Amino acid sequence: MLLDFSSLSKFRTEISALGDFFFHGETSLFIEDIINKKNQHKVFAVFRDEKVAGFLILSTVLDESEILEVAVSENMRRCGLGSELMEEVFGWCAKNEISQIFLEVRESNFPALAYYKKYGFAENGLRKNYYRDPLENAVLMSKKLF
């Protein structure tokens, strides 16, 4: 579900804890900026037993969006939560006339690459030495929606 400011404030600690584990503290910064209205990012979340089990942060400019972060709890992977998030995002994009979605992913993250390809994202570039800890290339991917 797309979280409004109230829901995001309520679940900020859970989302930040899950994301910061995977993204080295960046999630907390995104969430605080959204709550403080310093950006217009959208946060989608899936829940199990009333707890955040996964989330996706989406940035939108005009008719294009970029997936900034996606995370699913390790104990909840392969349960369809990533699919729920992606379907929710695609639905939101259709309602908001978003024509294309972009993302980047670590070159060595084979499960994520396969996941995005499953949803029709195509590789269309490489950013050399983009990621740190460890130093690694980023694969650029995109998907046209209409």
Protein backbone atom coordinates (compact mmCIF):
# COMPACT_ATOMS: atom_id res chain seq x y z
CA MET A 1 0.00 0.00 0.00
CA LEU A 2 1.07 3.58 -0.61
CA LEU A 3 1.79 5.15 2.76
CA ASP A 4 0.45 8.60 3.57
CA PHE A 5 2.42 10.92 5.91
CA SER A 6 0.61 9.63 8.99
CA SER A 7 1.28 5.98 8.18
CA LEU A 8 4.86 6.72 7.18
CA SER A 9 5.45 8.46 10.51
CA LYS A 10 3.92 5.51 12.35
CA PHE A 11 6.10 2.92 10.57
CA ARG A 12 9.25 5.01 10.03
CA THR A 13 11.30 3.04 12.58
CA GLU A 14 10.43 -0.34 11.06
CA ILE A 15 11.06 0.82 7.49
CA SER A 16 14.32 2.52 8.43
CA ALA A 17 15.59 -0.53 10.33
CA LEU A 18 14.81 -2.85 7.43
CA GLY A 19 16.25 -0.55 4.78
CA ASP A 20 19.30 0.64 6.68
CA PHE A 21 20.43 -2.97 7.04
CA PHE A 22 20.58 -3.30 3.24
CA PHE A 23 21.34 0.28 2.19
CA HIS A 24 23.93 1.46 4.76
CA GLY A 25 21.77 4.09 6.47
CA GLU A 26 20.30 5.75 3.38
CA THR A 27 16.73 4.65 4.09
CA SER A 28 16.51 6.66 7.32
CA LEU A 29 17.59 9.76 5.41
CA PHE A 30 14.97 9.21 2.68
CA ILE A 31 12.21 8.65 5.24
CA GLU A 32 13.08 11.73 7.29
CA ASP A 33 13.21 13.89 4.15
CA ILE A 34 9.80 12.61 3.04
CA ILE A 35 8.25 13.24 6.46
CA ASN A 36 9.81 16.71 6.59
CA LYS A 37 8.51 17.36 3.05
CA LYS A 38 11.97 17.92 1.61
CA ASN A 39 11.15 15.65 -1.33
CA GLN A 40 8.14 14.07 -2.99
CA HIS A 41 9.20 10.41 -2.88
CA LYS A 42 6.50 7.80 -2.41
CA VAL A 43 6.82 4.87 -0.02
CA PHE A 44 4.93 1.64 -0.64
CA ALA A 45 4.86 -1.05 2.04
CA VAL A 46 3.62 -4.58 2.56
CA PHE A 47 2.68 -5.89 5.97
CA ARG A 48 2.51 -9.26 7.68
CA ASP A 49 1.13 -9.59 11.21
CA GLU A 50 0.79 -5.78 11.34
CA LYS A 51 4.54 -5.32 10.85
CA VAL A 52 6.41 -3.95 7.85
CA ALA A 53 7.64 -6.92 5.85
CA GLY A 54 8.87 -4.95 2.85
CA PHE A 55 8.92 -1.54 1.24
CA LEU A 56 9.73 0.29 -1.98
CA ILE A 57 10.72 3.96 -2.34
CA LEU A 58 9.79 5.63 -5.63
CA SER A 59 10.89 9.01 -6.96
CA THR A 60 8.83 10.69 -9.68
CA VAL A 61 9.61 13.61 -11.97
CA LEU A 62 7.00 14.54 -14.57
CA ASP A 63 6.02 11.28 -16.30
CA GLU A 64 8.99 9.15 -15.21
CA SER A 65 9.74 7.32 -11.97
CA GLU A 66 12.80 5.75 -10.43
CA ILE A 67 12.85 2.93 -7.93
CA LEU A 68 15.34 4.06 -5.29
CA GLU A 69 15.13 1.21 -2.79
CA VAL A 70 13.34 -2.11 -2.44
CA ALA A 71 13.72 -4.34 0.59
CA VAL A 72 11.92 -7.40 1.91
CA SER A 73 12.65 -8.96 5.30
CA GLU A 74 15.02 -11.89 4.90
CA ASN A 75 12.60 -14.28 6.62
CA MET A 76 9.78 -13.20 4.27
CA ARG A 77 11.55 -13.60 0.94
CA ARG A 78 10.10 -15.86 -1.74
CA CYS A 79 6.61 -15.32 -0.30
CA GLY A 80 5.33 -12.96 -3.01
CA LEU A 81 5.89 -9.71 -1.12
CA GLY A 82 8.17 -8.28 -3.80
CA SER A 83 5.47 -9.05 -6.35
CA GLU A 84 2.88 -7.27 -4.21
CA LEU A 85 5.09 -4.19 -4.06
CA MET A 86 5.80 -4.18 -7.79
CA GLU A 87 2.14 -4.64 -8.73
CA GLU A 88 1.17 -1.81 -6.39
CA VAL A 89 3.78 0.47 -7.96
CA PHE A 90 2.70 -0.42 -11.50
CA GLY A 91 -0.92 0.35 -10.56
CA TRP A 92 0.05 3.69 -9.06
CA CYS A 93 2.12 4.53 -12.13
CA ALA A 94 -0.76 3.72 -14.46
CA LYS A 95 -3.14 5.98 -12.49
CA ASN A 96 -0.57 8.78 -12.55
CA GLU A 97 0.35 8.40 -16.24
CA ILE A 98 3.96 7.43 -15.60
CA SER A 99 5.46 6.34 -18.92
CA GLN A 100 8.71 4.76 -17.75
CA ILE A 101 10.40 3.43 -14.61
CA PHE A 102 14.17 3.38 -14.05
CA LEU A 103 16.37 1.70 -11.46
CA GLU A 104 19.92 0.64 -10.78
CA VAL A 105 21.17 -2.49 -9.09
CA ARG A 106 24.53 -3.92 -8.06
CA GLU A 107 26.07 -5.95 -10.84
CA SER A 108 26.53 -8.92 -8.48
CA ASN A 109 22.95 -8.90 -7.20
CA PHE A 110 21.77 -11.75 -9.41
CA PRO A 111 18.48 -12.35 -7.53
CA ALA A 112 17.50 -8.68 -7.96
CA LEU A 113 18.50 -8.67 -11.64
CA ALA A 114 16.34 -11.76 -12.25
CA TYR A 115 13.47 -10.23 -10.26
CA TYR A 116 13.48 -7.02 -12.30
CA LYS A 117 13.79 -8.89 -15.60
CA LYS A 118 10.77 -10.97 -14.57
CA TYR A 119 8.80 -7.70 -14.47
CA GLY A 120 9.97 -6.56 -17.90
CA PHE A 121 12.88 -4.32 -16.97
CA ALA A 122 15.69 -4.30 -19.52
CA GLU A 123 19.36 -3.59 -18.94
CA ASN A 124 20.37 -0.41 -20.72
CA GLY A 125 23.63 0.77 -19.25
CA LEU A 126 26.33 0.49 -16.63
CA ARG A 127 27.71 2.97 -14.12
CA LYS A 128 31.31 2.04 -13.43
CA ASN A 129 32.35 1.84 -9.76
CA TYR A 130 29.06 3.39 -8.63
CA TYR A 131 28.61 1.46 -5.39
CA ARG A 132 30.94 1.52 -2.39
CA ASP A 133 31.58 -1.07 0.34
CA PRO A 134 32.46 -2.95 -1.82
CA LEU A 135 33.28 -0.98 -4.96
CA GLU A 136 31.03 -2.28 -7.73
CA ASN A 137 29.31 -1.34 -10.97
CA ALA A 138 25.63 -0.46 -11.12
CA VAL A 139 23.47 -2.02 -13.84
CA LEU A 140 20.97 0.52 -15.18
CA MET A 141 17.54 -0.85 -16.05
CA SER A 142 14.27 0.59 -17.30
CA LYS A 143 10.77 -0.43 -18.26
CA LYS A 144 8.39 1.43 -20.58
CA LEU A 145 4.85 1.37 -19.26
CA PHE A 146 3.07 2.83 -22.31
